Amino acid sequence: MKERDEFFMREALSLAREAGSFDEVPVGAVVVLNDEIIGRGCNQPIFRNDPTAHAEVMALRDAGQRLGNYRMPSATLYVTLEPCVMCSGAIFHGRIARVVYGARDPKTGVAGSVFDLYAETRLNHHAQIEGGVLAEECGQLLSSFFAARRQRTLLA
């Protein structure tokens, strides 16, 4: 399972790099069903002028269109950054079975960093959650992006 998780996380990292190249926060996501990528997404809120255009939501939209169904109860979502509350809501509504993320998000992450929405017993759906897959690489991509952004701000 570890090799498979790393393979699909590398696909998500590729999408994250794509987002970063367009000056979006570099987060990428893929939805996988039966070892096949059925949805891809990267952060695009600036480009789309859409606060909901996070990588997870974009990947879920892509997968839903391909499947012709918004529910994906056997799918795994791989994302380079711990999901926020909005994305977790979309994950729950999509009935995603498993979420694998890379870097923790101490400011908006709700899979254990700020709080653990996935452990909330009052919710009617619970995805299995696993964090830390290629965490160093995922975190470094984000750190480098924000360091470059701060440098540009200082030079402006």
Protein backbone atom coordinates (compact mmCIF):
# COMPACT_ATOMS: atom_id res chain seq x y z
CA MET A 1 0.00 0.00 0.00
CA LYS A 2 2.86 2.41 0.79
CA GLU A 3 4.27 2.23 -2.76
CA ARG A 4 0.83 2.75 -4.27
CA ASP A 5 0.14 5.70 -1.96
CA GLU A 6 3.47 7.30 -2.87
CA PHE A 7 2.82 6.75 -6.59
CA PHE A 8 -0.52 8.55 -6.48
CA MET A 9 0.82 11.26 -4.14
CA ARG A 10 3.51 11.98 -6.76
CA GLU A 11 0.71 12.50 -9.28
CA ALA A 12 -0.89 14.97 -6.88
CA LEU A 13 2.50 16.68 -6.41
CA SER A 14 2.77 17.12 -10.17
CA LEU A 15 -0.57 18.94 -10.14
CA ALA A 16 0.55 21.01 -7.16
CA ARG A 17 3.62 22.15 -9.11
CA GLU A 18 1.32 23.10 -11.98
CA ALA A 19 -0.75 25.27 -9.63
CA GLY A 20 2.41 26.92 -8.29
CA SER A 21 3.58 27.73 -11.80
CA PHE A 22 0.42 29.86 -12.16
CA ASP A 23 1.09 31.55 -8.80
CA GLU A 24 -1.65 29.59 -7.06
CA VAL A 25 -0.85 27.97 -3.71
CA PRO A 26 0.72 24.68 -4.84
CA VAL A 27 -1.76 22.02 -3.80
CA GLY A 28 -2.75 19.11 -6.01
CA ALA A 29 -5.19 16.22 -5.69
CA VAL A 30 -6.22 13.07 -7.49
CA VAL A 31 -9.19 10.76 -7.00
CA VAL A 32 -8.38 7.09 -7.52
CA LEU A 33 -10.79 4.22 -8.09
CA ASN A 34 -9.59 0.67 -8.77
CA ASP A 35 -5.99 1.90 -9.09
CA GLU A 36 -6.97 4.34 -11.84
CA ILE A 37 -7.00 8.14 -11.59
CA ILE A 38 -10.53 9.27 -12.31
CA GLY A 39 -10.22 12.88 -11.16
CA ARG A 40 -7.46 15.49 -11.15
CA GLY A 41 -7.35 18.94 -9.62
CA CYS A 42 -5.09 21.70 -8.46
CA ASN A 43 -5.70 24.94 -6.61
CA GLN A 44 -7.32 27.53 -8.89
CA PRO A 45 -9.22 30.05 -6.74
CA ILE A 46 -7.31 33.05 -8.14
CA PHE A 47 -7.56 31.96 -11.78
CA ARG A 48 -11.25 31.07 -11.48
CA ASN A 49 -12.20 33.85 -9.04
CA ASP A 50 -13.77 31.06 -7.02
CA PRO A 51 -13.04 30.49 -3.33
CA THR A 52 -14.22 26.88 -3.67
CA ALA A 53 -11.68 26.00 -6.39
CA HIS A 54 -9.38 24.09 -4.04
CA ALA A 55 -7.50 21.08 -5.40
CA GLU A 56 -9.73 18.55 -3.65
CA VAL A 57 -12.94 20.13 -4.93
CA MET A 58 -11.57 20.36 -8.47
CA ALA A 59 -10.52 16.69 -8.39
CA LEU A 60 -13.91 15.63 -7.00
CA ARG A 61 -15.71 17.65 -9.71
CA ASP A 62 -13.58 16.00 -12.40
CA ALA A 63 -14.21 12.52 -10.99
CA GLY A 64 -17.94 13.14 -10.64
CA GLN A 65 -18.18 14.24 -14.27
CA ARG A 66 -16.28 11.17 -15.45
CA LEU A 67 -18.36 8.79 -13.35
CA GLY A 68 -21.68 10.52 -13.92
CA ASN A 69 -22.19 10.38 -10.16
CA TYR A 70 -21.13 12.64 -7.30
CA ARG A 71 -20.80 9.74 -4.87
CA MET A 72 -17.61 7.71 -4.91
CA PRO A 73 -17.84 5.30 -1.96
CA SER A 74 -14.89 3.11 -3.03
CA ALA A 75 -12.53 5.91 -4.05
CA THR A 76 -9.40 7.31 -2.44
CA LEU A 77 -8.52 10.99 -2.61
CA TYR A 78 -4.82 11.90 -2.51
CA VAL A 79 -3.98 15.51 -1.69
CA THR A 80 -0.67 17.20 -0.98
CA LEU A 81 -2.01 19.24 1.97
CA GLU A 82 -4.30 18.28 4.85
CA PRO A 83 -7.88 19.16 3.85
CA CYS A 84 -9.67 22.25 5.16
CA VAL A 85 -13.23 22.21 6.48
CA MET A 86 -14.76 23.11 3.10
CA CYS A 87 -12.90 20.37 1.26
CA SER A 88 -13.67 17.88 4.01
CA GLY A 89 -17.36 18.67 3.59
CA ALA A 90 -17.09 17.90 -0.13
CA ILE A 91 -15.20 14.69 0.69
CA PHE A 92 -17.96 13.64 3.10
CA HIS A 93 -20.74 14.42 0.61
CA GLY A 94 -18.89 12.50 -2.10
CA ARG A 95 -18.68 9.53 0.27
CA ILE A 96 -14.95 9.15 -0.39
CA ALA A 97 -13.74 6.02 1.41
CA ARG A 98 -10.18 7.08 2.12
CA VAL A 99 -8.20 10.33 2.19
CA VAL A 100 -4.41 10.34 2.00
CA TYR A 101 -2.64 13.65 2.48
CA GLY A 102 0.96 14.81 2.48
CA ALA A 103 1.77 17.84 4.64
CA ARG A 104 -0.13 18.86 7.75
CA ASP A 105 -1.80 22.28 7.76
CA PRO A 106 -1.50 23.87 11.21
CA LYS A 107 -3.72 26.82 10.23
CA THR A 108 -6.72 25.28 8.46
CA GLY A 109 -6.28 21.49 8.53
CA VAL A 110 -9.20 19.56 9.97
CA ALA A 111 -7.79 16.03 9.91
CA GLY A 112 -6.05 16.49 13.24
CA SER A 113 -4.12 19.77 13.02
CA VAL A 114 -6.68 22.40 14.05
CA PHE A 115 -9.26 19.75 14.98
CA ASP A 116 -10.29 16.34 13.65
CA LEU A 117 -13.50 16.53 11.67
CA TYR A 118 -12.93 12.95 10.49
CA ALA A 119 -13.31 11.69 14.07
CA GLU A 120 -16.55 13.60 14.69
CA THR A 121 -19.04 10.87 15.61
CA ARG A 122 -22.11 13.03 14.93
CA LEU A 123 -21.39 13.06 11.18
CA ASN A 124 -23.00 10.35 9.08
CA HIS A 125 -19.96 9.59 6.92
CA HIS A 126 -16.42 8.84 8.01
CA ALA A 127 -13.56 8.56 5.56
CA GLN A 128 -10.46 6.70 6.62
CA ILE A 129 -7.68 9.30 6.90
CA GLU A 130 -3.93 8.88 6.56
CA GLY A 131 -1.47 11.73 6.68
CA GLY A 132 2.22 12.14 6.15
CA VAL A 133 2.67 10.46 2.77
CA LEU A 134 5.63 12.25 1.13
CA ALA A 135 5.06 14.93 3.78
CA GLU A 136 8.54 16.42 3.49
CA GLU A 137 8.31 16.87 -0.27
CA CYS A 138 4.77 18.25 -0.06
CA GLY A 139 5.71 20.63 2.75
CA GLN A 140 8.87 21.80 1.02
CA LEU A 141 6.93 22.71 -2.11
CA LEU A 142 4.61 24.91 -0.02
CA SER A 143 7.45 26.43 2.03
CA SER A 144 9.41 27.34 -1.10
CA PHE A 145 6.34 28.88 -2.70
CA PHE A 146 5.59 31.12 0.30
CA ALA A 147 9.27 32.06 0.75
CA ALA A 148 9.41 33.19 -2.89
CA ARG A 149 6.15 35.11 -2.48
CA ARG A 150 7.49 36.91 0.61
CA GLN A 151 10.72 37.73 -1.24
CA ARG A 152 8.76 39.24 -4.15
CA THR A 153 6.76 41.32 -1.67
CA LEU A 154 9.95 42.62 -0.04
CA LEU A 155 11.42 43.56 -3.39
CA ALA A 156 8.28 45.31 -4.62
